[in-house]
């Protein structure tokens, strides 16, 4: 089964690639790796939420936004090399704009990790960092970037 078929089976449609908000490209290939730029929770060209997690944005909402960020990262990969070229997910980094005292970053970033597991199964198991930060671009509550290995 192709990854594209798996997405369809899950009822998941890849969005259009989010337009860069500064001087970068959505994804770059180097050898057998594709690196995505940080992806914000854009839906149909608009940021789905703003604010800090544990304050303006609940952890549950932020987890859903992390899933959206991962979908945007997959869209960037798809536009560059095609999602079916993915051999495995290597690394995910999640950044969570955190209200003072909020320490639930790993649970928020699970929104992205769980999506990758649903889509890629064992090939979706990855190394990861979940980092709390003071601010993210445009006031986003979460940002995700991926490194994936692709086949030739």
N, C-alpha and C. Protein backbone atom coordinates (compact mmCIF):
# COMPACT_ATOMS: atom_id res chain seq x y z
N UNK A 1 0.85 -1.18 0.00
CA UNK A 1 0.00 0.00 0.00
C UNK A 1 0.89 1.25 0.00
N UNK A 2 0.53 2.24 -0.78
CA UNK A 2 1.28 3.50 -0.81
C UNK A 2 0.86 4.35 0.39
N UNK A 3 1.73 5.31 0.74
CA UNK A 3 1.39 6.24 1.82
C UNK A 3 0.20 7.11 1.42
N UNK A 4 0.13 7.45 0.16
CA UNK A 4 -1.01 8.26 -0.31
C UNK A 4 -2.31 7.47 -0.12
N UNK A 5 -2.28 6.17 -0.40
CA UNK A 5 -3.46 5.32 -0.18
C UNK A 5 -3.79 5.24 1.30
N UNK A 6 -2.75 5.17 2.13
CA UNK A 6 -2.97 5.11 3.57
C UNK A 6 -3.63 6.40 4.07
N UNK A 7 -3.17 7.53 3.56
CA UNK A 7 -3.81 8.80 3.92
C UNK A 7 -5.29 8.79 3.55
N UNK A 8 -5.59 8.32 2.34
CA UNK A 8 -6.98 8.26 1.88
C UNK A 8 -7.80 7.32 2.76
N UNK A 9 -7.21 6.19 3.13
CA UNK A 9 -7.88 5.23 4.00
C UNK A 9 -8.24 5.86 5.34
N UNK A 10 -7.36 6.74 5.83
CA UNK A 10 -7.59 7.43 7.10
C UNK A 10 -8.52 8.63 6.95
N UNK A 11 -8.87 8.95 5.70
CA UNK A 11 -9.72 10.11 5.45
C UNK A 11 -8.97 11.42 5.60
N UNK A 12 -7.66 11.37 5.39
CA UNK A 12 -6.82 12.54 5.55
C UNK A 12 -6.39 13.04 4.18
N UNK A 13 -6.64 14.32 3.93
CA UNK A 13 -6.23 14.93 2.67
C UNK A 13 -5.11 15.92 2.96
N UNK A 14 -4.03 15.83 2.19
CA UNK A 14 -2.94 16.78 2.38
C UNK A 14 -3.39 18.16 1.90
N UNK A 15 -3.10 19.17 2.68
CA UNK A 15 -3.48 20.53 2.28
C UNK A 15 -2.53 21.06 1.21
N UNK A 16 -2.86 22.21 0.67
CA UNK A 16 -1.92 22.92 -0.20
C UNK A 16 -0.72 23.31 0.65
N UNK A 17 0.43 23.39 0.03
CA UNK A 17 1.64 23.78 0.76
C UNK A 17 1.47 25.21 1.28
N UNK A 18 1.75 25.38 2.56
CA UNK A 18 1.65 26.70 3.17
C UNK A 18 2.71 27.62 2.56
N UNK A 19 2.30 28.81 2.18
CA UNK A 19 3.24 29.77 1.62
C UNK A 19 4.22 30.22 2.69
N UNK A 20 5.51 30.28 2.37
CA UNK A 20 6.50 30.77 3.35
C UNK A 20 6.15 32.19 3.81
N UNK A 21 6.40 32.46 5.08
CA UNK A 21 6.12 33.79 5.63
C UNK A 21 7.39 34.64 5.72
N UNK A 22 8.50 34.11 5.19
CA UNK A 22 9.78 34.83 5.20
C UNK A 22 10.65 34.27 4.07
N UNK A 23 11.96 34.45 4.15
CA UNK A 23 12.89 34.06 3.09
C UNK A 23 13.38 32.63 3.27
N UNK A 24 12.56 31.65 2.88
CA UNK A 24 12.93 30.24 2.95
C UNK A 24 12.02 29.46 2.01
N UNK A 25 12.32 28.18 1.85
CA UNK A 25 11.47 27.29 1.05
C UNK A 25 10.84 26.27 1.99
N UNK A 26 9.70 25.68 1.60
CA UNK A 26 9.00 24.75 2.50
C UNK A 26 9.78 23.47 2.83
N UNK A 27 10.59 22.98 1.88
CA UNK A 27 11.35 21.75 2.12
C UNK A 27 12.55 21.72 1.20
N UNK A 28 13.61 21.03 1.66
CA UNK A 28 14.84 20.88 0.89
C UNK A 28 15.28 19.43 0.97
N UNK A 29 15.72 18.91 -0.18
CA UNK A 29 16.28 17.56 -0.22
C UNK A 29 17.79 17.65 -0.22
N UNK A 30 18.43 16.80 0.59
CA UNK A 30 19.88 16.65 0.59
C UNK A 30 20.15 15.15 0.63
N UNK A 31 20.61 14.60 -0.50
CA UNK A 31 20.82 13.16 -0.58
C UNK A 31 19.52 12.42 -0.38
N UNK A 32 19.49 11.52 0.59
CA UNK A 32 18.29 10.72 0.83
C UNK A 32 17.42 11.29 1.95
N UNK A 33 17.71 12.52 2.36
CA UNK A 33 16.92 13.16 3.42
C UNK A 33 16.17 14.37 2.89
N UNK A 34 14.97 14.58 3.41
CA UNK A 34 14.21 15.80 3.15
C UNK A 34 14.01 16.47 4.50
N UNK A 35 14.34 17.76 4.54
CA UNK A 35 14.17 18.58 5.73
C UNK A 35 13.05 19.57 5.44
N UNK A 36 12.07 19.62 6.31
CA UNK A 36 11.03 20.64 6.11
C UNK A 36 11.38 21.86 6.95
N UNK A 37 10.93 23.00 6.48
CA UNK A 37 10.99 24.20 7.30
C UNK A 37 9.94 24.04 8.40
N UNK A 38 10.05 24.86 9.42
CA UNK A 38 9.04 24.83 10.48
C UNK A 38 7.67 25.14 9.90
N UNK A 39 6.71 24.31 10.25
CA UNK A 39 5.34 24.46 9.74
C UNK A 39 4.42 24.90 10.87
N UNK A 40 3.67 25.96 10.59
CA UNK A 40 2.70 26.48 11.54
C UNK A 40 1.33 25.85 11.26
N UNK A 41 0.38 26.01 12.17
CA UNK A 41 -0.95 25.42 11.95
C UNK A 41 -1.82 26.26 11.01
N UNK A 42 -1.37 26.37 9.76
CA UNK A 42 -2.17 27.06 8.75
C UNK A 42 -3.25 26.13 8.22
N UNK A 43 -4.45 26.66 8.09
CA UNK A 43 -5.57 25.94 7.48
C UNK A 43 -6.15 26.89 6.44
N UNK A 44 -6.16 26.44 5.20
CA UNK A 44 -6.68 27.26 4.09
C UNK A 44 -6.05 28.65 4.06
N UNK A 45 -4.75 28.71 4.32
CA UNK A 45 -4.03 29.97 4.21
C UNK A 45 -4.07 30.88 5.42
N UNK A 46 -4.80 30.47 6.46
CA UNK A 46 -4.90 31.29 7.67
C UNK A 46 -4.40 30.51 8.88
N UNK A 47 -3.80 31.23 9.81
CA UNK A 47 -3.35 30.62 11.04
C UNK A 47 -4.57 30.19 11.86
N UNK A 48 -4.61 28.93 12.25
CA UNK A 48 -5.78 28.38 12.94
C UNK A 48 -5.95 28.91 14.36
N UNK A 49 -4.86 29.36 14.99
CA UNK A 49 -4.94 29.86 16.36
C UNK A 49 -3.70 30.69 16.66
N UNK A 50 -3.82 31.53 17.66
CA UNK A 50 -2.68 32.25 18.20
C UNK A 50 -2.75 32.17 19.71
N UNK A 51 -1.62 32.39 20.34
CA UNK A 51 -1.59 32.42 21.80
C UNK A 51 -0.67 31.38 22.37
N UNK A 52 -0.56 31.42 23.67
CA UNK A 52 0.33 30.51 24.39
C UNK A 52 -0.44 29.33 24.95
N UNK A 53 0.19 28.19 24.84
CA UNK A 53 -0.41 26.95 25.35
C UNK A 53 -0.32 26.96 26.87
N UNK A 54 -1.41 26.58 27.48
CA UNK A 54 -1.50 26.63 28.93
C UNK A 54 -2.03 27.97 29.41
N UNK A 55 -2.36 28.83 28.46
CA UNK A 55 -2.94 30.15 28.75
C UNK A 55 -4.11 30.36 27.81
N UNK A 56 -3.82 30.96 26.65
CA UNK A 56 -4.86 31.26 25.65
C UNK A 56 -5.35 30.02 24.91
N UNK A 57 -4.48 29.02 24.78
CA UNK A 57 -4.77 27.82 24.01
C UNK A 57 -4.65 26.61 24.94
N UNK A 58 -5.67 25.76 24.96
CA UNK A 58 -5.61 24.58 25.83
C UNK A 58 -4.63 23.56 25.25
N UNK A 59 -4.07 22.70 26.10
CA UNK A 59 -3.19 21.66 25.60
C UNK A 59 -3.86 20.76 24.55
N UNK A 60 -5.15 20.48 24.72
CA UNK A 60 -5.88 19.64 23.77
C UNK A 60 -6.00 20.33 22.42
N UNK A 61 -6.29 21.62 22.43
CA UNK A 61 -6.34 22.38 21.18
C UNK A 61 -4.97 22.42 20.52
N UNK A 62 -3.94 22.64 21.32
CA UNK A 62 -2.58 22.70 20.79
C UNK A 62 -2.16 21.37 20.18
N UNK A 63 -2.58 20.27 20.77
CA UNK A 63 -2.28 18.95 20.22
C UNK A 63 -2.89 18.81 18.83
N UNK A 64 -4.11 19.28 18.65
CA UNK A 64 -4.75 19.25 17.33
C UNK A 64 -4.00 20.15 16.35
N UNK A 65 -3.51 21.28 16.83
CA UNK A 65 -2.75 22.18 15.97
C UNK A 65 -1.41 21.56 15.57
N UNK A 66 -0.80 20.79 16.47
CA UNK A 66 0.45 20.10 16.14
C UNK A 66 0.19 19.08 15.02
N UNK A 67 -0.94 18.43 15.05
CA UNK A 67 -1.32 17.50 13.98
C UNK A 67 -1.43 18.26 12.65
N UNK A 68 -2.04 19.43 12.68
CA UNK A 68 -2.15 20.25 11.48
C UNK A 68 -0.77 20.64 10.96
N UNK A 69 0.12 21.00 11.87
CA UNK A 69 1.49 21.34 11.47
C UNK A 69 2.15 20.14 10.76
N UNK A 70 1.96 18.94 11.29
CA UNK A 70 2.54 17.75 10.67
C UNK A 70 1.95 17.51 9.29
N UNK A 71 0.65 17.74 9.14
CA UNK A 71 0.03 17.61 7.81
C UNK A 71 0.64 18.62 6.83
N UNK A 72 0.89 19.83 7.31
CA UNK A 72 1.52 20.84 6.45
C UNK A 72 2.94 20.43 6.08
N UNK A 73 3.65 19.79 7.00
CA UNK A 73 5.00 19.30 6.69
C UNK A 73 4.93 18.19 5.65
N UNK A 74 3.97 17.28 5.79
CA UNK A 74 3.80 16.22 4.79
C UNK A 74 3.45 16.80 3.42
N UNK A 75 2.67 17.87 3.40
CA UNK A 75 2.33 18.53 2.14
C UNK A 75 3.59 19.10 1.48
N UNK A 76 4.48 19.68 2.29
CA UNK A 76 5.73 20.21 1.75
C UNK A 76 6.60 19.10 1.18
N UNK A 77 6.65 17.97 1.86
CA UNK A 77 7.40 16.81 1.37
C UNK A 77 6.78 16.30 0.08
N UNK A 78 5.46 16.20 0.08
CA UNK A 78 4.75 15.72 -1.11
C UNK A 78 5.03 16.60 -2.32
N UNK A 79 5.02 17.91 -2.13
CA UNK A 79 5.26 18.83 -3.24
C UNK A 79 6.68 18.71 -3.77
N UNK A 80 7.63 18.36 -2.91
CA UNK A 80 9.03 18.29 -3.32
C UNK A 80 9.37 16.96 -3.97
N UNK A 81 9.00 15.84 -3.33
CA UNK A 81 9.43 14.52 -3.81
C UNK A 81 8.29 13.51 -3.91
N UNK A 82 7.11 13.85 -3.41
CA UNK A 82 5.99 12.91 -3.38
C UNK A 82 6.01 12.14 -2.07
N UNK A 83 4.88 12.09 -1.40
CA UNK A 83 4.81 11.43 -0.09
C UNK A 83 5.12 9.94 -0.19
N UNK A 84 4.88 9.33 -1.34
CA UNK A 84 5.17 7.91 -1.48
C UNK A 84 6.67 7.61 -1.51
N UNK A 85 7.51 8.63 -1.65
CA UNK A 85 8.97 8.44 -1.63
C UNK A 85 9.51 8.25 -0.21
N UNK A 86 8.68 8.55 0.80
CA UNK A 86 9.14 8.46 2.19
C UNK A 86 9.42 7.00 2.56
N UNK A 87 10.62 6.77 3.06
CA UNK A 87 11.01 5.45 3.57
C UNK A 87 10.74 5.38 5.06
N UNK A 88 11.08 6.45 5.76
CA UNK A 88 10.82 6.52 7.19
C UNK A 88 10.91 7.96 7.67
N UNK A 89 10.24 8.23 8.77
CA UNK A 89 10.36 9.52 9.44
C UNK A 89 11.56 9.39 10.38
N UNK A 90 12.51 10.31 10.26
CA UNK A 90 13.73 10.24 11.05
C UNK A 90 13.61 11.06 12.33
N UNK A 91 13.18 12.33 12.20
CA UNK A 91 13.17 13.22 13.36
C UNK A 91 12.04 14.23 13.23
N UNK A 92 11.42 14.51 14.34
CA UNK A 92 10.39 15.54 14.46
C UNK A 92 10.84 16.48 15.57
N UNK A 93 10.76 17.77 15.31
CA UNK A 93 10.97 18.75 16.36
C UNK A 93 9.71 19.58 16.48
N UNK A 94 9.19 19.67 17.69
CA UNK A 94 8.01 20.46 17.96
C UNK A 94 8.34 21.59 18.91
N UNK A 95 7.85 22.77 18.57
CA UNK A 95 8.06 23.97 19.39
C UNK A 95 6.69 24.41 19.90
N UNK A 96 6.59 24.64 21.20
CA UNK A 96 5.32 24.99 21.81
C UNK A 96 5.47 26.33 22.51
N UNK A 97 4.73 27.33 22.05
CA UNK A 97 4.70 28.63 22.72
C UNK A 97 4.01 28.42 24.05
N UNK A 98 4.75 28.52 25.13
CA UNK A 98 4.27 28.06 26.43
C UNK A 98 4.03 29.20 27.40
N UNK A 99 2.86 29.17 28.03
CA UNK A 99 2.58 30.10 29.12
C UNK A 99 3.51 29.76 30.28
N UNK A 100 3.75 30.73 31.12
CA UNK A 100 4.62 30.49 32.27
C UNK A 100 4.12 29.30 33.08
N UNK A 101 5.03 28.39 33.37
CA UNK A 101 4.71 27.22 34.17
C UNK A 101 4.18 26.04 33.39
N UNK A 102 3.91 26.20 32.09
CA UNK A 102 3.39 25.08 31.30
C UNK A 102 4.53 24.12 30.98
N UNK A 103 4.35 22.84 31.30
CA UNK A 103 5.39 21.84 31.08
C UNK A 103 4.88 20.63 30.28
N UNK A 104 3.75 20.77 29.62
CA UNK A 104 3.17 19.64 28.89
C UNK A 104 3.52 19.60 27.42
N UNK A 105 4.69 20.11 27.05
CA UNK A 105 5.08 20.14 25.64
C UNK A 105 5.07 18.76 24.99
N UNK A 106 5.56 17.70 25.65
CA UNK A 106 5.54 16.39 24.99
C UNK A 106 4.13 15.93 24.60
N UNK A 107 3.15 16.17 25.45
CA UNK A 107 1.77 15.77 25.13
C UNK A 107 1.22 16.57 23.95
N UNK A 108 1.59 17.84 23.84
CA UNK A 108 1.16 18.66 22.71
C UNK A 108 1.76 18.11 21.41
N UNK A 109 3.05 17.86 21.41
CA UNK A 109 3.74 17.42 20.20
C UNK A 109 3.30 16.01 19.81
N UNK A 110 2.71 15.27 20.75
CA UNK A 110 2.14 13.96 20.39
C UNK A 110 1.12 14.08 19.27
N UNK A 111 0.47 15.22 19.13
CA UNK A 111 -0.48 15.39 18.03
C UNK A 111 0.18 15.14 16.69
N UNK A 112 1.40 15.61 16.52
CA UNK A 112 2.15 15.38 15.28
C UNK A 112 2.67 13.94 15.24
N UNK A 113 3.25 13.48 16.34
CA UNK A 113 3.83 12.12 16.37
C UNK A 113 2.77 11.05 16.11
N UNK A 114 1.61 11.21 16.71
CA UNK A 114 0.55 10.21 16.53
C UNK A 114 0.06 10.17 15.09
N UNK A 115 -0.04 11.32 14.43
CA UNK A 115 -0.43 11.33 13.03
C UNK A 115 0.59 10.56 12.19
N UNK A 116 1.87 10.80 12.43
CA UNK A 116 2.90 10.10 11.66
C UNK A 116 2.84 8.60 11.89
N UNK A 117 2.54 8.19 13.10
CA UNK A 117 2.36 6.77 13.38
C UNK A 117 1.16 6.18 12.67
N UNK A 118 0.05 6.93 12.62
CA UNK A 118 -1.15 6.46 11.93
C UNK A 118 -0.88 6.28 10.44
N UNK A 119 -0.15 7.22 9.86
CA UNK A 119 0.09 7.18 8.42
C UNK A 119 1.17 6.16 8.05
N UNK A 120 2.30 6.20 8.73
CA UNK A 120 3.47 5.43 8.31
C UNK A 120 3.72 4.16 9.13
N UNK A 121 2.93 3.92 10.16
CA UNK A 121 3.15 2.73 10.97
C UNK A 121 4.54 2.73 11.58
N UNK A 122 5.21 1.59 11.53
CA UNK A 122 6.55 1.45 12.10
C UNK A 122 7.53 2.45 11.48
N UNK A 123 7.36 2.75 10.20
CA UNK A 123 8.24 3.71 9.52
C UNK A 123 8.01 5.14 10.02
N UNK A 124 6.96 5.35 10.78
CA UNK A 124 6.67 6.66 11.34
C UNK A 124 7.25 6.89 12.72
N UNK A 125 7.85 5.83 13.29
CA UNK A 125 8.50 5.99 14.61
C UNK A 125 9.76 6.81 14.41
N UNK A 126 9.96 7.82 15.26
CA UNK A 126 11.00 8.80 15.00
C UNK A 126 11.65 9.29 16.29
N UNK A 127 12.84 9.86 16.12
CA UNK A 127 13.45 10.62 17.21
C UNK A 127 12.70 11.94 17.30
N UNK A 128 12.78 12.60 18.48
CA UNK A 128 11.94 13.78 18.64
C UNK A 128 12.46 14.71 19.72
N UNK A 129 12.16 15.98 19.55
CA UNK A 129 12.34 16.97 20.61
C UNK A 129 11.04 17.75 20.72
N UNK A 130 10.64 18.06 21.94
CA UNK A 130 9.45 18.88 22.21
C UNK A 130 9.93 20.02 23.10
N UNK A 131 9.97 21.22 22.52
CA UNK A 131 10.64 22.35 23.15
C UNK A 131 9.63 23.45 23.50
N UNK A 132 9.67 23.92 24.71
CA UNK A 132 8.86 25.07 25.11
C UNK A 132 9.60 26.35 24.77
N UNK A 133 8.91 27.28 24.13
CA UNK A 133 9.51 28.55 23.73
C UNK A 133 8.62 29.71 24.17
N UNK A 134 9.22 30.91 24.22
CA UNK A 134 8.48 32.09 24.65
C UNK A 134 7.51 32.57 23.58
N UNK A 135 7.94 32.56 22.32
CA UNK A 135 7.12 33.06 21.21
C UNK A 135 7.42 32.27 19.96
N UNK A 136 6.43 32.20 19.06
CA UNK A 136 6.60 31.60 17.74
C UNK A 136 6.15 32.60 16.68
N UNK A 137 6.55 32.40 15.43
CA UNK A 137 6.17 33.34 14.37
C UNK A 137 4.65 33.55 14.32
N UNK A 138 4.27 34.79 14.10
CA UNK A 138 2.87 35.21 13.95
C UNK A 138 2.02 34.92 15.18
N UNK A 139 2.65 34.59 16.29
CA UNK A 139 1.91 34.29 17.51
C UNK A 139 1.33 32.89 17.55
N UNK A 140 1.83 32.00 16.66
CA UNK A 140 1.32 30.62 16.61
C UNK A 140 1.59 29.90 17.93
N UNK A 141 0.70 28.97 18.31
CA UNK A 141 0.91 28.22 19.55
C UNK A 141 1.88 27.06 19.40
N UNK A 142 2.07 26.58 18.15
CA UNK A 142 2.92 25.40 17.94
C UNK A 142 3.52 25.47 16.54
N UNK A 143 4.69 24.85 16.40
CA UNK A 143 5.39 24.75 15.12
C UNK A 143 6.09 23.39 15.10
N UNK A 144 6.12 22.78 13.92
CA UNK A 144 6.72 21.45 13.77
C UNK A 144 7.59 21.43 12.53
N UNK A 145 8.74 20.76 12.64
CA UNK A 145 9.51 20.45 11.43
C UNK A 145 9.88 18.98 11.43
N UNK A 146 10.11 18.46 10.23
CA UNK A 146 10.40 17.03 10.05
C UNK A 146 11.68 16.82 9.27
N UNK A 147 12.30 15.69 9.52
CA UNK A 147 13.35 15.14 8.66
C UNK A 147 12.87 13.74 8.30
N UNK A 148 12.80 13.46 7.00
CA UNK A 148 12.41 12.13 6.53
C UNK A 148 13.45 11.58 5.58
N UNK A 149 13.56 10.27 5.59
CA UNK A 149 14.42 9.57 4.62
C UNK A 149 13.54 9.19 3.44
N UNK A 150 14.09 9.36 2.25
CA UNK A 150 13.35 9.00 1.06
C UNK A 150 14.13 7.97 0.26
N UNK A 151 13.39 7.19 -0.55
CA UNK A 151 14.02 6.22 -1.44
C UNK A 151 14.44 6.90 -2.72
N UNK A 152 15.28 6.25 -3.42
CA UNK A 152 15.77 6.81 -4.69
C UNK A 152 14.84 6.53 -5.78
